N, C-alpha and C. Protein backbone atom coordinates (compact mmCIF):
# COMPACT_ATOMS: atom_id res chain seq x y z
N MET A 1 -62.73 -77.35 -67.23
CA MET A 1 -63.58 -76.85 -66.17
C MET A 1 -64.98 -77.40 -66.39
N THR A 2 -65.61 -77.82 -65.32
CA THR A 2 -66.97 -78.34 -65.36
C THR A 2 -67.91 -77.28 -64.83
N VAL A 3 -69.04 -77.07 -65.52
CA VAL A 3 -69.98 -76.02 -65.14
C VAL A 3 -71.32 -76.66 -64.78
N ALA A 4 -71.96 -76.11 -63.75
CA ALA A 4 -73.31 -76.53 -63.35
C ALA A 4 -74.14 -75.26 -63.19
N THR A 5 -75.45 -75.39 -63.31
CA THR A 5 -76.35 -74.25 -63.21
C THR A 5 -77.18 -74.34 -61.95
N VAL A 6 -77.37 -73.22 -61.27
CA VAL A 6 -78.21 -73.16 -60.08
C VAL A 6 -79.66 -73.02 -60.55
N THR A 7 -80.57 -73.86 -60.02
CA THR A 7 -81.98 -73.80 -60.39
C THR A 7 -82.68 -72.67 -59.62
N SER A 8 -83.93 -72.43 -59.96
CA SER A 8 -84.70 -71.40 -59.26
C SER A 8 -84.91 -71.74 -57.79
N LYS A 9 -84.75 -73.01 -57.43
CA LYS A 9 -84.87 -73.44 -56.04
C LYS A 9 -83.52 -73.45 -55.32
N GLY A 10 -82.47 -73.00 -56.00
CA GLY A 10 -81.14 -72.95 -55.39
C GLY A 10 -80.41 -74.28 -55.43
N GLN A 11 -80.87 -75.20 -56.25
CA GLN A 11 -80.25 -76.52 -56.32
C GLN A 11 -79.24 -76.58 -57.46
N VAL A 12 -78.21 -77.41 -57.26
CA VAL A 12 -77.18 -77.63 -58.28
C VAL A 12 -77.00 -79.13 -58.43
N THR A 13 -76.96 -79.60 -59.66
CA THR A 13 -76.66 -81.01 -59.91
C THR A 13 -75.16 -81.14 -60.09
N VAL A 14 -74.55 -82.00 -59.27
CA VAL A 14 -73.12 -82.24 -59.39
C VAL A 14 -72.91 -83.12 -60.62
N PRO A 15 -72.06 -82.70 -61.56
CA PRO A 15 -71.85 -83.48 -62.78
C PRO A 15 -71.37 -84.90 -62.48
N VAL A 16 -71.75 -85.83 -63.33
CA VAL A 16 -71.43 -87.25 -63.16
C VAL A 16 -69.94 -87.47 -62.95
N ALA A 17 -69.10 -86.84 -63.75
CA ALA A 17 -67.65 -87.06 -63.65
C ALA A 17 -67.14 -86.70 -62.25
N ILE A 18 -67.68 -85.64 -61.67
CA ILE A 18 -67.25 -85.21 -60.33
C ILE A 18 -67.81 -86.17 -59.28
N ARG A 19 -69.08 -86.57 -59.43
CA ARG A 19 -69.67 -87.54 -58.48
C ARG A 19 -68.87 -88.83 -58.46
N GLU A 20 -68.50 -89.31 -59.63
CA GLU A 20 -67.74 -90.55 -59.71
C GLU A 20 -66.34 -90.39 -59.16
N ALA A 21 -65.68 -89.28 -59.48
CA ALA A 21 -64.31 -89.05 -59.00
C ALA A 21 -64.24 -88.95 -57.48
N LEU A 22 -65.27 -88.39 -56.86
CA LEU A 22 -65.28 -88.21 -55.41
C LEU A 22 -66.07 -89.28 -54.67
N GLY A 23 -66.71 -90.18 -55.42
CA GLY A 23 -67.50 -91.23 -54.79
C GLY A 23 -68.76 -90.70 -54.12
N LEU A 24 -69.34 -89.63 -54.66
CA LEU A 24 -70.54 -89.04 -54.08
C LEU A 24 -71.75 -89.89 -54.41
N THR A 25 -72.58 -90.12 -53.40
CA THR A 25 -73.82 -90.87 -53.58
C THR A 25 -74.95 -90.08 -52.95
N ALA A 26 -76.18 -90.52 -53.16
CA ALA A 26 -77.32 -89.84 -52.56
C ALA A 26 -77.13 -89.78 -51.05
N GLY A 27 -77.33 -88.61 -50.49
CA GLY A 27 -77.19 -88.43 -49.05
C GLY A 27 -75.81 -87.92 -48.62
N THR A 28 -74.84 -87.90 -49.54
CA THR A 28 -73.52 -87.37 -49.20
C THR A 28 -73.66 -85.90 -48.86
N ARG A 29 -73.08 -85.50 -47.74
CA ARG A 29 -73.15 -84.10 -47.33
C ARG A 29 -71.95 -83.34 -47.86
N LEU A 30 -72.20 -82.12 -48.36
CA LEU A 30 -71.14 -81.27 -48.88
C LEU A 30 -71.07 -80.01 -48.04
N ASP A 31 -69.86 -79.53 -47.80
CA ASP A 31 -69.62 -78.32 -47.02
C ASP A 31 -69.21 -77.21 -47.97
N PHE A 32 -70.01 -76.13 -48.04
CA PHE A 32 -69.73 -75.00 -48.92
C PHE A 32 -69.12 -73.86 -48.11
N THR A 33 -68.05 -73.26 -48.65
CA THR A 33 -67.39 -72.13 -48.00
C THR A 33 -67.17 -71.03 -49.04
N VAL A 34 -67.52 -69.79 -48.68
CA VAL A 34 -67.24 -68.66 -49.57
C VAL A 34 -65.74 -68.40 -49.51
N ALA A 35 -65.09 -68.43 -50.69
CA ALA A 35 -63.65 -68.29 -50.76
C ALA A 35 -63.23 -66.97 -51.40
N GLY A 36 -64.17 -66.10 -51.68
CA GLY A 36 -63.87 -64.81 -52.30
C GLY A 36 -65.14 -64.23 -52.87
N PRO A 37 -65.04 -63.07 -53.51
CA PRO A 37 -66.24 -62.41 -54.02
C PRO A 37 -67.00 -63.23 -55.07
N ALA A 38 -66.31 -64.09 -55.81
CA ALA A 38 -66.98 -64.89 -56.84
C ALA A 38 -66.48 -66.33 -56.81
N ALA A 39 -66.14 -66.83 -55.62
CA ALA A 39 -65.58 -68.17 -55.53
C ALA A 39 -66.09 -68.90 -54.28
N ILE A 40 -66.26 -70.20 -54.43
CA ILE A 40 -66.60 -71.03 -53.28
C ILE A 40 -65.71 -72.27 -53.31
N THR A 41 -65.55 -72.89 -52.17
CA THR A 41 -64.93 -74.21 -52.13
C THR A 41 -66.00 -75.17 -51.64
N ILE A 42 -65.96 -76.37 -52.15
CA ILE A 42 -66.92 -77.40 -51.76
C ILE A 42 -66.10 -78.59 -51.28
N ARG A 43 -66.39 -79.04 -50.07
CA ARG A 43 -65.66 -80.15 -49.46
C ARG A 43 -66.66 -81.24 -49.09
N VAL A 44 -66.28 -82.49 -49.32
CA VAL A 44 -67.13 -83.60 -48.88
C VAL A 44 -67.06 -83.64 -47.37
N ASP A 45 -68.21 -83.57 -46.72
CA ASP A 45 -68.30 -83.58 -45.26
C ASP A 45 -68.34 -85.03 -44.82
N PRO A 46 -67.28 -85.53 -44.15
CA PRO A 46 -67.27 -86.94 -43.77
C PRO A 46 -68.37 -87.26 -42.76
N PRO A 47 -68.82 -88.50 -42.75
CA PRO A 47 -69.87 -88.86 -41.79
C PRO A 47 -69.36 -88.78 -40.36
N THR A 48 -70.24 -88.45 -39.43
CA THR A 48 -69.90 -88.43 -38.02
C THR A 48 -70.23 -89.79 -37.41
N LEU A 49 -69.80 -90.02 -36.19
CA LEU A 49 -70.16 -91.28 -35.53
C LEU A 49 -71.66 -91.41 -35.39
N THR A 50 -72.36 -90.28 -35.19
CA THR A 50 -73.82 -90.31 -35.11
C THR A 50 -74.42 -90.80 -36.42
N ASP A 51 -73.84 -90.35 -37.55
CA ASP A 51 -74.31 -90.79 -38.86
C ASP A 51 -74.15 -92.30 -39.03
N LEU A 52 -73.14 -92.86 -38.38
CA LEU A 52 -72.82 -94.27 -38.54
C LEU A 52 -73.59 -95.17 -37.58
N ARG A 53 -74.33 -94.56 -36.63
CA ARG A 53 -75.07 -95.35 -35.66
C ARG A 53 -76.06 -96.28 -36.38
N GLY A 54 -76.07 -97.54 -35.98
CA GLY A 54 -76.99 -98.52 -36.55
C GLY A 54 -76.53 -99.12 -37.85
N VAL A 55 -75.33 -98.78 -38.28
CA VAL A 55 -74.87 -99.26 -39.58
C VAL A 55 -74.70 -100.78 -39.60
N PHE A 56 -74.50 -101.39 -38.44
CA PHE A 56 -74.33 -102.83 -38.41
C PHE A 56 -75.63 -103.58 -38.19
N SER A 57 -76.71 -102.88 -37.97
CA SER A 57 -77.99 -103.54 -37.77
C SER A 57 -78.56 -103.98 -39.12
N ALA A 58 -79.52 -104.87 -39.06
CA ALA A 58 -80.15 -105.35 -40.30
C ALA A 58 -80.72 -104.17 -41.07
N GLY A 59 -80.43 -104.10 -42.33
CA GLY A 59 -80.96 -103.03 -43.17
C GLY A 59 -80.18 -101.73 -43.03
N GLY A 60 -79.03 -101.77 -42.35
CA GLY A 60 -78.24 -100.56 -42.15
C GLY A 60 -77.55 -100.11 -43.43
N VAL A 61 -76.97 -98.92 -43.38
CA VAL A 61 -76.23 -98.37 -44.50
C VAL A 61 -74.87 -99.05 -44.56
N HIS A 62 -74.39 -99.35 -45.73
CA HIS A 62 -73.09 -100.00 -45.89
C HIS A 62 -72.10 -98.95 -46.39
N LEU A 63 -71.08 -98.65 -45.56
CA LEU A 63 -70.09 -97.64 -45.91
C LEU A 63 -68.71 -98.28 -46.04
N PRO A 64 -67.87 -97.74 -46.90
CA PRO A 64 -66.50 -98.24 -47.02
C PRO A 64 -65.74 -98.02 -45.71
N ILE A 65 -64.79 -98.88 -45.44
CA ILE A 65 -64.02 -98.80 -44.21
C ILE A 65 -63.30 -97.45 -44.09
N ALA A 66 -62.94 -96.85 -45.20
CA ALA A 66 -62.26 -95.55 -45.17
C ALA A 66 -63.16 -94.49 -44.53
N GLN A 67 -64.47 -94.56 -44.77
CA GLN A 67 -65.39 -93.60 -44.17
C GLN A 67 -65.51 -93.84 -42.67
N PHE A 68 -65.46 -95.11 -42.24
CA PHE A 68 -65.45 -95.39 -40.80
C PHE A 68 -64.20 -94.80 -40.16
N ASP A 69 -63.04 -95.06 -40.80
CA ASP A 69 -61.78 -94.56 -40.26
C ASP A 69 -61.79 -93.05 -40.14
N GLU A 70 -62.30 -92.38 -41.16
CA GLU A 70 -62.34 -90.92 -41.15
C GLU A 70 -63.27 -90.40 -40.05
N ALA A 71 -64.42 -91.03 -39.89
CA ALA A 71 -65.37 -90.61 -38.85
C ALA A 71 -64.78 -90.82 -37.46
N ILE A 72 -64.12 -91.95 -37.25
CA ILE A 72 -63.50 -92.21 -35.95
C ILE A 72 -62.39 -91.21 -35.68
N GLY A 73 -61.57 -90.94 -36.70
CA GLY A 73 -60.50 -89.94 -36.55
C GLY A 73 -61.06 -88.56 -36.22
N GLN A 74 -62.14 -88.19 -36.86
CA GLN A 74 -62.76 -86.89 -36.60
C GLN A 74 -63.31 -86.83 -35.18
N ALA A 75 -63.92 -87.92 -34.72
CA ALA A 75 -64.46 -87.95 -33.36
C ALA A 75 -63.35 -87.82 -32.33
N VAL A 76 -62.23 -88.50 -32.57
CA VAL A 76 -61.09 -88.39 -31.66
C VAL A 76 -60.55 -86.97 -31.66
N SER A 77 -60.41 -86.40 -32.84
CA SER A 77 -59.92 -85.02 -32.96
C SER A 77 -60.85 -84.04 -32.24
N ASP A 78 -62.17 -84.22 -32.44
CA ASP A 78 -63.15 -83.35 -31.79
C ASP A 78 -63.05 -83.47 -30.27
N SER A 79 -62.89 -84.69 -29.77
CA SER A 79 -62.82 -84.86 -28.31
C SER A 79 -61.54 -84.27 -27.75
N LEU A 80 -60.43 -84.32 -28.50
CA LEU A 80 -59.19 -83.71 -28.05
C LEU A 80 -59.29 -82.19 -28.07
N ASP A 81 -60.02 -81.64 -29.04
CA ASP A 81 -60.22 -80.20 -29.12
C ASP A 81 -61.02 -79.69 -27.93
N ARG A 82 -61.96 -80.52 -27.43
CA ARG A 82 -62.80 -80.12 -26.30
C ARG A 82 -62.06 -80.27 -24.97
N ALA A 83 -61.01 -81.09 -24.96
CA ALA A 83 -60.28 -81.35 -23.69
C ALA A 83 -59.40 -80.19 -23.29
């Protein structure tokens, strides 16, 4: 089990082993959910199509193709949910 400490500002540093295993980098969004009286789940929040806007322009962010695929799939799913 890996342990992290919450700072006085409510911040937590994700341990290196977990960052590397999940491919977390600066700016990665995490989704926190209360899973019980003393438990939470943390999920990597995939980028949205809005997050990917401008990625092909000069100086844009370079993301792995898997993140593009996931964002496109999420956008399609969201649009079907609204239909």
